[in-house]
PDB file of N, CA and C in Angstrom:
ATOM      1  N   MET A   1       0.841  -1.171   0.000  1.00  0.00           N
ATOM      2  CA  MET A   1       0.000   0.000   0.000  1.00  0.00           C
ATOM      3  C   MET A   1       0.893   1.243   0.000  1.00  0.00           C
ATOM      4  N   PRO A   2       0.728   2.133  -0.953  1.00  0.00           N
ATOM      5  CA  PRO A   2       1.579   3.317  -1.028  1.00  0.00           C
ATOM      6  C   PRO A   2       1.420   4.223   0.187  1.00  0.00           C
ATOM      7  N   ASP A   3       2.541   4.812   0.625  1.00  0.00           N
ATOM      8  CA  ASP A   3       2.517   5.705   1.778  1.00  0.00           C
ATOM      9  C   ASP A   3       1.910   7.064   1.469  1.00  0.00           C
ATOM     10  N   ASN A   4       1.800   7.422   0.186  1.00  0.00           N
ATOM     11  CA  ASN A   4       1.314   8.748  -0.157  1.00  0.00           C
ATOM     12  C   ASN A   4      -0.221   8.857  -0.098  1.00  0.00           C
ATOM     13  N   PHE A   5      -0.921   7.762   0.204  1.00  0.00           N
ATOM     14  CA  PHE A   5      -2.365   7.814   0.329  1.00  0.00           C
ATOM     15  C   PHE A   5      -2.758   8.326   1.710  1.00  0.00           C
ATOM     16  N   LEU A   6      -3.745   9.191   1.732  1.00  0.00           N
ATOM     17  CA  LEU A   6      -4.327   9.684   2.967  1.00  0.00           C
ATOM     18  C   LEU A   6      -5.184   8.567   3.554  1.00  0.00           C
ATOM     19  N   ARG A   7      -5.011   8.272   4.826  1.00  0.00           N
ATOM     20  CA  ARG A   7      -5.794   7.222   5.472  1.00  0.00           C
ATOM     21  C   ARG A   7      -6.904   7.855   6.306  1.00  0.00           C
ATOM     22  N   LEU A   8      -8.140   7.503   5.961  1.00  0.00           N
ATOM     23  CA  LEU A   8      -9.306   8.101   6.602  1.00  0.00           C
ATOM     24  C   LEU A   8     -10.245   7.024   7.125  1.00  0.00           C
ATOM     25  N   ARG A   9     -11.076   7.433   8.075  1.00  0.00           N
ATOM     26  CA  ARG A   9     -12.127   6.555   8.591  1.00  0.00           C
ATOM     27  C   ARG A   9     -13.468   7.072   8.092  1.00  0.00           C
ATOM     28  N   LEU A  10     -14.319   6.151   7.717  1.00  0.00           N
ATOM     29  CA  LEU A  10     -15.646   6.486   7.210  1.00  0.00           C
ATOM     30  C   LEU A  10     -16.683   5.728   8.016  1.00  0.00           C
ATOM     31  N   GLY A  11     -17.622   6.468   8.568  1.00  0.00           N
ATOM     32  CA  GLY A  11     -18.742   5.864   9.272  1.00  0.00           C
ATOM     33  C   GLY A  11     -20.036   6.209   8.572  1.00  0.00           C
ATOM     34  N   LEU A  12     -20.871   5.208   8.360  1.00  0.00           N
ATOM     35  CA  LEU A  12     -22.187   5.399   7.757  1.00  0.00           C
ATOM     36  C   LEU A  12     -23.247   4.915   8.739  1.00  0.00           C
ATOM     37  N   ASP A  13     -24.277   5.721   8.919  1.00  0.00           N
ATOM     38  CA  ASP A  13     -25.427   5.351   9.740  1.00  0.00           C
ATOM     39  C   ASP A  13     -26.638   5.376   8.821  1.00  0.00           C
ATOM     40  N   ILE A  14     -27.177   4.204   8.542  1.00  0.00           N
ATOM     41  CA  ILE A  14     -28.336   4.110   7.670  1.00  0.00           C
ATOM     42  C   ILE A  14     -29.547   3.842   8.549  1.00  0.00           C
ATOM     43  N   GLY A  15     -30.326   4.895   8.773  1.00  0.00           N
ATOM     44  CA  GLY A  15     -31.471   4.792   9.657  1.00  0.00           C
ATOM     45  C   GLY A  15     -32.775   4.600   8.916  1.00  0.00           C
ATOM     46  N   SER A  16     -33.863   4.703   9.653  1.00  0.00           N
ATOM     47  CA  SER A  16     -35.184   4.480   9.067  1.00  0.00           C
ATOM     48  C   SER A  16     -35.608   5.616   8.142  1.00  0.00           C
ATOM     49  N   THR A  17     -35.034   6.810   8.327  1.00  0.00           N
ATOM     50  CA  THR A  17     -35.412   7.939   7.468  1.00  0.00           C
ATOM     51  C   THR A  17     -34.231   8.673   6.837  1.00  0.00           C
ATOM     52  N   THR A  18     -33.030   8.480   7.370  1.00  0.00           N
ATOM     53  CA  THR A  18     -31.881   9.241   6.889  1.00  0.00           C
ATOM     54  C   THR A  18     -30.634   8.384   6.743  1.00  0.00           C
ATOM     55  N   VAL A  19     -29.698   8.914   5.956  1.00  0.00           N
ATOM     56  CA  VAL A  19     -28.352   8.364   5.836  1.00  0.00           C
ATOM     57  C   VAL A  19     -27.407   9.440   6.362  1.00  0.00           C
ATOM     58  N   LYS A  20     -26.581   9.068   7.321  1.00  0.00           N
ATOM     59  CA  LYS A  20     -25.572   9.979   7.850  1.00  0.00           C
ATOM     60  C   LYS A  20     -24.202   9.401   7.556  1.00  0.00           C
ATOM     61  N   ALA A  21     -23.251  10.284   7.286  1.00  0.00           N
ATOM     62  CA  ALA A  21     -21.877   9.852   7.028  1.00  0.00           C
ATOM     63  C   ALA A  21     -20.918  10.820   7.689  1.00  0.00           C
ATOM     64  N   VAL A  22     -19.785  10.290   8.115  1.00  0.00           N
ATOM     65  CA  VAL A  22     -18.720  11.136   8.641  1.00  0.00           C
ATOM     66  C   VAL A  22     -17.387  10.564   8.163  1.00  0.00           C
ATOM     67  N   VAL A  23     -16.493  11.463   7.768  1.00  0.00           N
ATOM     68  CA  VAL A  23     -15.134  11.099   7.386  1.00  0.00           C
ATOM     69  C   VAL A  23     -14.203  11.770   8.378  1.00  0.00           C
ATOM     70  N   MET A  24     -13.300  10.975   8.955  1.00  0.00           N
ATOM     71  CA  MET A  24     -12.358  11.496   9.948  1.00  0.00           C
ATOM     72  C   MET A  24     -10.943  11.102   9.589  1.00  0.00           C
ATOM     73  N   GLU A  25      -9.998  11.923  10.037  1.00  0.00           N
ATOM     74  CA  GLU A  25      -8.593  11.540   9.948  1.00  0.00           C
ATOM     75  C   GLU A  25      -8.378  10.331  10.855  1.00  0.00           C
ATOM     76  N   ALA A  26      -7.595   9.398  10.405  1.00  0.00           N
ATOM     77  CA  ALA A  26      -7.391   8.175  11.170  1.00  0.00           C
ATOM     78  C   ALA A  26      -6.651   8.412  12.482  1.00  0.00           C
ATOM     79  N   LYS A  27      -5.661   9.285  12.475  1.00  0.00           N
ATOM     80  CA  LYS A  27      -4.842   9.481  13.674  1.00  0.00           C
ATOM     81  C   LYS A  27      -5.375  10.580  14.584  1.00  0.00           C
ATOM     82  N   GLN A  28      -5.621  11.765  14.050  1.00  0.00           N
ATOM     83  CA  GLN A  28      -6.034  12.901  14.867  1.00  0.00           C
ATOM     84  C   GLN A  28      -7.525  12.908  15.186  1.00  0.00           C
ATOM     85  N   LYS A  29      -8.304  12.121  14.461  1.00  0.00           N
ATOM     86  CA  LYS A  29      -9.752  12.014  14.652  1.00  0.00           C
ATOM     87  C   LYS A  29     -10.481  13.335  14.403  1.00  0.00           C
ATOM     88  N   ASN A  30      -9.927  14.177  13.535  1.00  0.00           N
ATOM     89  CA  ASN A  30     -10.613  15.410  13.144  1.00  0.00           C
ATOM     90  C   ASN A  30     -11.653  15.083  12.084  1.00  0.00           C
ATOM     91  N   VAL A  31     -12.838  15.668  12.217  1.00  0.00           N
ATOM     92  CA  VAL A  31     -13.890  15.463  11.225  1.00  0.00           C
ATOM     93  C   VAL A  31     -13.570  16.305   9.997  1.00  0.00           C
ATOM     94  N   LEU A  32     -13.514  15.649   8.840  1.00  0.00           N
ATOM     95  CA  LEU A  32     -13.210  16.323   7.581  1.00  0.00           C
ATOM     96  C   LEU A  32     -14.450  16.529   6.723  1.00  0.00           C
ATOM     97  N   PHE A  33     -15.480  15.712   6.951  1.00  0.00           N
ATOM     98  CA  PHE A  33     -16.685  15.774   6.126  1.00  0.00           C
ATOM     99  C   PHE A  33     -17.813  15.099   6.886  1.00  0.00           C
ATOM    100  N   SER A  34     -19.012  15.647   6.739  1.00  0.00           N
ATOM    101  CA  SER A  34     -20.194  14.963   7.259  1.00  0.00           C
ATOM    102  C   SER A  34     -21.363  15.232   6.325  1.00  0.00           C
ATOM    103  N   ALA A  35     -22.291  14.300   6.315  1.00  0.00           N
ATOM    104  CA  ALA A  35     -23.483  14.432   5.473  1.00  0.00           C
ATOM    105  C   ALA A  35     -24.682  13.892   6.233  1.00  0.00           C
ATOM    106  N   TYR A  36     -25.829  14.474   5.968  1.00  0.00           N
ATOM    107  CA  TYR A  36     -27.103  14.062   6.573  1.00  0.00           C
ATOM    108  C   TYR A  36     -28.151  14.207   5.488  1.00  0.00           C
ATOM    109  N   LYS A  37     -28.660  13.082   4.987  1.00  0.00           N
ATOM    110  CA  LYS A  37     -29.628  13.133   3.882  1.00  0.00           C
ATOM    111  C   LYS A  37     -30.822  12.237   4.168  1.00  0.00           C
ATOM    112  N   ARG A  38     -31.999  12.738   3.920  1.00  0.00           N
ATOM    113  CA  ARG A  38     -33.214  11.922   3.973  1.00  0.00           C
ATOM    114  C   ARG A  38     -33.198  10.980   2.777  1.00  0.00           C
ATOM    115  N   HIS A  39     -33.543   9.718   3.004  1.00  0.00           N
ATOM    116  CA  HIS A  39     -33.456   8.766   1.899  1.00  0.00           C
ATOM    117  C   HIS A  39     -34.804   8.447   1.249  1.00  0.00           C
ATOM    118  N   HIS A  40     -35.915   8.871   1.832  1.00  0.00           N
ATOM    119  CA  HIS A  40     -37.239   8.682   1.233  1.00  0.00           C
ATOM    120  C   HIS A  40     -37.437   7.229   0.772  1.00  0.00           C
ATOM    121  N   ALA A  41     -37.048   6.286   1.626  1.00  0.00           N
ATOM    122  CA  ALA A  41     -37.160   4.838   1.383  1.00  0.00           C
ATOM    123  C   ALA A  41     -36.259   4.341   0.255  1.00  0.00           C
ATOM    124  N   CYS A  42     -35.272   5.135  -0.130  1.00  0.00           N
ATOM    125  CA  CYS A  42     -34.293   4.735  -1.159  1.00  0.00           C
ATOM    126  C   CYS A  42     -32.899   4.729  -0.514  1.00  0.00           C
ATOM    127  N   GLN A  43     -32.713   3.818   0.435  1.00  0.00           N
ATOM    128  CA  GLN A  43     -31.475   3.801   1.204  1.00  0.00           C
ATOM    129  C   GLN A  43     -30.247   3.576   0.347  1.00  0.00           C
ATOM    130  N   ALA A  44     -30.260   2.548  -0.490  1.00  0.00           N
ATOM    131  CA  ALA A  44     -29.078   2.207  -1.293  1.00  0.00           C
ATOM    132  C   ALA A  44     -28.696   3.348  -2.232  1.00  0.00           C
ATOM    133  N   GLU A  45     -29.673   3.956  -2.871  1.00  0.00           N
ATOM    134  CA  GLU A  45     -29.389   5.058  -3.795  1.00  0.00           C
ATOM    135  C   GLU A  45     -28.809   6.260  -3.062  1.00  0.00           C
ATOM    136  N   THR A  46     -29.317   6.532  -1.863  1.00  0.00           N
ATOM    137  CA  THR A  46     -28.802   7.656  -1.079  1.00  0.00           C
ATOM    138  C   THR A  46     -27.388   7.370  -0.605  1.00  0.00           C
ATOM    139  N   VAL A  47     -27.122   6.143  -0.165  1.00  0.00           N
ATOM    140  CA  VAL A  47     -25.759   5.766   0.232  1.00  0.00           C
ATOM    141  C   VAL A  47     -24.818   5.914  -0.956  1.00  0.00           C
ATOM    142  N   LYS A  48     -25.244   5.469  -2.121  1.00  0.00           N
ATOM    143  CA  LYS A  48     -24.413   5.596  -3.328  1.00  0.00           C
ATOM    144  C   LYS A  48     -24.089   7.054  -3.610  1.00  0.00           C
ATOM    145  N   SER A  49     -25.074   7.939  -3.475  1.00  0.00           N
ATOM    146  CA  SER A  49     -24.859   9.371  -3.698  1.00  0.00           C
ATOM    147  C   SER A  49     -23.864   9.949  -2.697  1.00  0.00           C
ATOM    148  N   VAL A  50     -24.024   9.595  -1.431  1.00  0.00           N
ATOM    149  CA  VAL A  50     -23.113  10.092  -0.390  1.00  0.00           C
ATOM    150  C   VAL A  50     -21.697   9.564  -0.636  1.00  0.00           C
ATOM    151  N   LEU A  51     -21.576   8.283  -0.961  1.00  0.00           N
ATOM    152  CA  LEU A  51     -20.244   7.705  -1.213  1.00  0.00           C
ATOM    153  C   LEU A  51     -19.593   8.315  -2.452  1.00  0.00           C
ATOM    154  N   SER A  52     -20.377   8.632  -3.458  1.00  0.00           N
ATOM    155  CA  SER A  52     -19.829   9.295  -4.655  1.00  0.00           C
ATOM    156  C   SER A  52     -19.278  10.664  -4.299  1.00  0.00           C
ATOM    157  N   ASP A  53     -19.994  11.394  -3.466  1.00  0.00           N
ATOM    158  CA  ASP A  53     -19.524  12.710  -3.020  1.00  0.00           C
ATOM    159  C   ASP A  53     -18.227  12.577  -2.226  1.00  0.00           C
ATOM    160  N   ILE A  54     -18.174  11.587  -1.351  1.00  0.00           N
ATOM    161  CA  ILE A  54     -16.958  11.367  -0.550  1.00  0.00           C
ATOM    162  C   ILE A  54     -15.789  10.986  -1.453  1.00  0.00           C
ATOM    163  N   ARG A  55     -16.012  10.103  -2.420  1.00  0.00           N
ATOM    164  CA  ARG A  55     -14.930   9.688  -3.324  1.00  0.00           C
ATOM    165  C   ARG A  55     -14.420  10.883  -4.125  1.00  0.00           C
ATOM    166  N   PHE A  56     -15.326  11.766  -4.557  1.00  0.00           N
ATOM    167  CA  PHE A  56     -14.934  12.959  -5.299  1.00  0.00           C
ATOM    168  C   PHE A  56     -14.065  13.877  -4.433  1.00  0.00           C
ATOM    169  N   ARG A  57     -14.469  14.066  -3.182  1.00  0.00           N
ATOM    170  CA  ARG A  57     -13.740  14.973  -2.276  1.00  0.00           C
ATOM    171  C   ARG A  57     -12.405  14.398  -1.807  1.00  0.00           C
ATOM    172  N   PHE A  58     -12.329  13.079  -1.692  1.00  0.00           N
ATOM    173  CA  PHE A  58     -11.138  12.437  -1.125  1.00  0.00           C
ATOM    174  C   PHE A  58     -10.617  11.363  -2.086  1.00  0.00           C
ATOM    175  N   SER A  59     -10.353  11.765  -3.299  1.00  0.00           N
ATOM    176  CA  SER A  59      -9.950  10.805  -4.335  1.00  0.00           C
ATOM    177  C   SER A  59      -8.593  10.163  -4.055  1.00  0.00           C
ATOM    178  N   ASP A  60      -7.779  10.790  -3.209  1.00  0.00           N
ATOM    179  CA  ASP A  60      -6.447  10.258  -2.912  1.00  0.00           C
ATOM    180  C   ASP A  60      -6.399   9.518  -1.575  1.00  0.00           C
ATOM    181  N   ALA A  61      -7.551   9.054  -1.084  1.00  0.00           N
ATOM    182  CA  ALA A  61      -7.601   8.470   0.259  1.00  0.00           C
ATOM    183  C   ALA A  61      -7.906   6.977   0.225  1.00  0.00           C
ATOM    184  N   LEU A  62      -7.430   6.317   1.264  1.00  0.00           N
ATOM    185  CA  LEU A  62      -7.808   4.942   1.565  1.00  0.00           C
ATOM    186  C   LEU A  62      -8.707   5.001   2.792  1.00  0.00           C
ATOM    187  N   PHE A  63      -9.781   4.226   2.794  1.00  0.00           N
ATOM    188  CA  PHE A  63     -10.761   4.298   3.867  1.00  0.00           C
ATOM    189  C   PHE A  63     -10.837   3.014   4.664  1.00  0.00           C
ATOM    190  N   CYS A  64     -11.013   3.178   5.947  1.00  0.00           N
ATOM    191  CA  CYS A  64     -11.419   2.114   6.848  1.00  0.00           C
ATOM    192  C   CYS A  64     -12.860   2.476   7.194  1.00  0.00           C
ATOM    193  N   ALA A  65     -13.813   1.609   6.853  1.00  0.00           N
ATOM    194  CA  ALA A  65     -15.222   1.966   6.976  1.00  0.00           C
ATOM    195  C   ALA A  65     -15.986   0.980   7.842  1.00  0.00           C
ATOM    196  N   ALA A  66     -17.095   1.477   8.398  1.00  0.00           N
ATOM    197  CA  ALA A  66     -18.045   0.651   9.136  1.00  0.00           C
ATOM    198  C   ALA A  66     -19.420   1.268   8.979  1.00  0.00           C
ATOM    199  N   VAL A  67     -20.438   0.446   9.167  1.00  0.00           N
ATOM    200  CA  VAL A  67     -21.821   0.869   8.983  1.00  0.00           C
ATOM    201  C   VAL A  67     -22.625   0.494  10.223  1.00  0.00           C
ATOM    202  N   CYS A  68     -23.546   1.372  10.605  1.00  0.00           N
ATOM    203  CA  CYS A  68     -24.488   1.061  11.676  1.00  0.00           C
ATOM    204  C   CYS A  68     -25.872   1.539  11.246  1.00  0.00           C
ATOM    205  N   GLY A  69     -26.848   1.350  12.097  1.00  0.00           N
ATOM    206  CA  GLY A  69     -28.190   1.837  11.835  1.00  0.00           C
ATOM    207  C   GLY A  69     -29.170   0.729  11.520  1.00  0.00           C
ATOM    208  N   SER A  70     -30.445   1.053  11.643  1.00  0.00           N
ATOM    209  CA  SER A  70     -31.502   0.056  11.461  1.00  0.00           C
ATOM    210  C   SER A  70     -31.535  -0.519  10.052  1.00  0.00           C
ATOM    211  N   GLY A  71     -31.070   0.229   9.064  1.00  0.00           N
ATOM    212  CA  GLY A  71     -31.017  -0.266   7.692  1.00  0.00           C
ATOM    213  C   GLY A  71     -29.615  -0.579   7.229  1.00  0.00           C
ATOM    214  N   GLY A  72     -28.678  -0.641   8.164  1.00  0.00           N
ATOM    215  CA  GLY A  72     -27.274  -0.751   7.802  1.00  0.00           C
ATOM    216  C   GLY A  72     -26.756  -2.119   7.440  1.00  0.00           C
ATOM    217  N   LYS A  73     -27.327  -3.184   7.981  1.00  0.00           N
ATOM    218  CA  LYS A  73     -26.767  -4.520   7.769  1.00  0.00           C
ATOM    219  C   LYS A  73     -26.694  -4.905   6.295  1.00  0.00           C
ATOM    220  N   PRO A  74     -27.782  -4.763   5.510  1.00  0.00           N
ATOM    221  CA  PRO A  74     -27.661  -5.139   4.096  1.00  0.00           C
ATOM    222  C   PRO A  74     -26.696  -4.255   3.321  1.00  0.00           C
ATOM    223  N   ILE A  75     -26.593  -2.978   3.701  1.00  0.00           N
ATOM    224  CA  ILE A  75     -25.655  -2.064   3.030  1.00  0.00           C
ATOM    225  C   ILE A  75     -24.224  -2.472   3.370  1.00  0.00           C
ATOM    226  N   ALA A  76     -23.957  -2.776   4.643  1.00  0.00           N
ATOM    227  CA  ALA A  76     -22.622  -3.222   5.053  1.00  0.00           C
ATOM    228  C   ALA A  76     -22.236  -4.491   4.299  1.00  0.00           C
ATOM    229  N   ASP A  77     -23.170  -5.430   4.204  1.00  0.00           N
ATOM    230  CA  ASP A  77     -22.893  -6.675   3.480  1.00  0.00           C
ATOM    231  C   ASP A  77     -22.578  -6.392   2.014  1.00  0.00           C
ATOM    232  N   ALA A  78     -23.356  -5.498   1.393  1.00  0.00           N
ATOM    233  CA  ALA A  78     -23.139  -5.177  -0.024  1.00  0.00           C
ATOM    234  C   ALA A  78     -21.795  -4.488  -0.245  1.00  0.00           C
ATOM    235  N   LEU A  79     -21.378  -3.660   0.727  1.00  0.00           N
ATOM    236  CA  LEU A  79     -20.107  -2.941   0.608  1.00  0.00           C
ATOM    237  C   LEU A  79     -18.911  -3.782   1.063  1.00  0.00           C
ATOM    238  N   GLY A  80     -19.182  -4.873   1.757  1.00  0.00           N
ATOM    239  CA  GLY A  80     -18.093  -5.709   2.271  1.00  0.00           C
ATOM    240  C   GLY A  80     -17.354  -5.067   3.428  1.00  0.00           C
ATOM    241  N   VAL A  81     -18.081  -4.309   4.248  1.00  0.00           N
ATOM    242  CA  VAL A  81     -17.487  -3.647   5.413  1.00  0.00           C
ATOM    243  C   VAL A  81     -18.226  -4.101   6.669  1.00  0.00           C
ATOM    244  N   PRO A  82     -17.616  -3.911   7.843  1.00  0.00           N
ATOM    245  CA  PRO A  82     -18.252  -4.358   9.080  1.00  0.00           C
ATOM    246  C   PRO A  82     -19.544  -3.600   9.388  1.00  0.00           C
ATOM    247  N   TYR A  83     -20.486  -4.327   9.964  1.00  0.00           N
ATOM    248  CA  TYR A  83     -21.697  -3.733  10.525  1.00  0.00           C
ATOM    249  C   TYR A  83     -21.514  -3.707  12.031  1.00  0.00           C
ATOM    250  N   VAL A  84     -21.784  -2.559  12.645  1.00  0.00           N
ATOM    251  CA  VAL A  84     -21.669  -2.404  14.091  1.00  0.00           C
ATOM    252  C   VAL A  84     -23.041  -1.981  14.608  1.00  0.00           C
ATOM    253  N   GLN A  85     -23.587  -2.753  15.550  1.00  0.00           N
ATOM    254  CA  GLN A  85     -24.890  -2.425  16.115  1.00  0.00           C
ATOM    255  C   GLN A  85     -24.822  -1.026  16.733  1.00  0.00           C
ATOM    256  N   GLU A  86     -25.908  -0.251  16.644  1.00  0.00           N
ATOM    257  CA  GLU A  86     -25.912   1.157  17.045  1.00  0.00           C
ATOM    258  C   GLU A  86     -25.479   1.400  18.490  1.00  0.00           C
ATOM    259  N   VAL A  87     -25.966   0.602  19.415  1.00  0.00           N
ATOM    260  CA  VAL A  87     -25.606   0.797  20.824  1.00  0.00           C
ATOM    261  C   VAL A  87     -24.111   0.562  21.017  1.00  0.00           C
ATOM    262  N   VAL A  88     -23.570  -0.435  20.338  1.00  0.00           N
ATOM    263  CA  VAL A  88     -22.135  -0.714  20.411  1.00  0.00           C
ATOM    264  C   VAL A  88     -21.346   0.446  19.797  1.00  0.00           C
ATOM    265  N   ALA A  89     -21.802   0.958  18.653  1.00  0.00           N
ATOM    266  CA  ALA A  89     -21.127   2.088  18.006  1.00  0.00           C
ATOM    267  C   ALA A  89     -21.105   3.307  18.920  1.00  0.00           C
ATOM    268  N   ASN A  90     -22.230   3.580  19.575  1.00  0.00           N
ATOM    269  CA  ASN A  90     -22.274   4.720  20.494  1.00  0.00           C
ATOM    270  C   ASN A  90     -21.349   4.508  21.693  1.00  0.00           C
ATOM    271  N   ALA A  91     -21.304   3.290  22.212  1.00  0.00           N
ATOM    272  CA  ALA A  91     -20.417   2.998  23.341  1.00  0.00           C
ATOM    273  C   ALA A  91     -18.953   3.192  22.960  1.00  0.00           C
ATOM    274  N   ILE A  92     -18.584   2.765  21.763  1.00  0.00           N
ATOM    275  CA  ILE A  92     -17.207   2.949  21.284  1.00  0.00           C
ATOM    276  C   ILE A  92     -16.888   4.442  21.160  1.00  0.00           C
ATOM    277  N   ALA A  93     -17.817   5.212  20.611  1.00  0.00           N
ATOM    278  CA  ALA A  93     -17.601   6.655  20.449  1.00  0.00           C
ATOM    279  C   ALA A  93     -17.457   7.351  21.799  1.00  0.00           C
ATOM    280  N   VAL A  94     -18.324   7.026  22.736  1.00  0.00           N
ATOM    281  CA  VAL A  94     -18.238   7.648  24.065  1.00  0.00           C
ATOM    282  C   VAL A  94     -16.920   7.276  24.722  1.00  0.00           C
ATOM    283  N   ARG A  95     -16.536   6.004  24.658  1.00  0.00           N
ATOM    284  CA  ARG A  95     -15.273   5.565  25.266  1.00  0.00           C
ATOM    285  C   ARG A  95     -14.065   6.256  24.624  1.00  0.00           C
ATOM    286  N   THR A  96     -14.121   6.479  23.307  1.00  0.00           N
ATOM    287  CA  THR A  96     -13.006   7.095  22.588  1.00  0.00           C
ATOM    288  C   THR A  96     -12.897   8.589  22.863  1.00  0.00           C
ATOM    289  N   PHE A  97     -14.021   9.295  22.777  1.00  0.00           N
ATOM    290  CA  PHE A  97     -13.983  10.755  22.860  1.00  0.00           C
ATOM    291  C   PHE A  97     -14.235  11.305  24.259  1.00  0.00           C
ATOM    292  N   TYR A  98     -14.846  10.517  25.126  1.00  0.00           N
ATOM    293  CA  TYR A  98     -15.153  10.957  26.487  1.00  0.00           C
ATOM    294  C   TYR A  98     -14.824   9.842  27.469  1.00  0.00           C
ATOM    295  N   PRO A  99     -13.550   9.481  27.594  1.00  0.00           N
ATOM    296  CA  PRO A  99     -13.169   8.312  28.381  1.00  0.00           C
ATOM    297  C   PRO A  99     -13.528   8.422  29.874  1.00  0.00           C
ATOM    298  N   GLN A 100     -13.750   9.620  30.368  1.00  0.00           N
ATOM    299  CA  GLN A 100     -14.097   9.796  31.781  1.00  0.00           C
ATOM    300  C   GLN A 100     -15.568   9.493  32.056  1.00  0.00           C
ATOM    301  N   THR A 101     -16.362   9.296  31.024  1.00  0.00           N
ATOM    302  CA  THR A 101     -17.800   9.073  31.175  1.00  0.00           C
ATOM    303  C   THR A 101     -18.091   7.730  31.820  1.00  0.00           C
ATOM    304  N   ARG A 102     -19.007   7.731  32.771  1.00  0.00           N
ATOM    305  CA  ARG A 102     -19.431   6.508  33.449  1.00  0.00           C
ATOM    306  C   ARG A 102     -20.781   5.994  32.934  1.00  0.00           C
ATOM    307  N   VAL A 103     -21.665   6.941  32.513  1.00  0.00           N
ATOM    308  CA  VAL A 103     -22.998   6.574  32.060  1.00  0.00           C
ATOM    309  C   VAL A 103     -23.359   7.434  30.861  1.00  0.00           C
ATOM    310  N   ALA A 104     -23.948   6.825  29.840  1.00  0.00           N
ATOM    311  CA  ALA A 104     -24.463   7.562  28.681  1.00  0.00           C
ATOM    312  C   ALA A 104     -25.897   7.121  28.451  1.00  0.00           C
ATOM    313  N   ILE A 105     -26.774   8.087  28.304  1.00  0.00           N
ATOM    314  CA  ILE A 105     -28.202   7.786  28.107  1.00  0.00           C
ATOM    315  C   ILE A 105     -28.629   8.294  26.754  1.00  0.00           C
TER     316      ILE A 105
END
């Protein structure tokens, strides 16, 4: 794998009404891009649109991706990326960004 590629993390949340995406730097965890789109029952098409926008913006990047959300499992399977249950994804985020937290509601 060439060293000149930017390494980014991509998270997709495919919910019952919306598709959310976030792109972060792998090391510093700075958010570089986010999207929030209503999918109007067209989840796959909306994910494709969001991913096309991300590929256009970050054409020189390699991504580590994961998907969560109520509609995420079939999308994760189609993309060949891990599916993470929403509660688990939130727990990982809280532990990463707010390690002093004891309870999250």
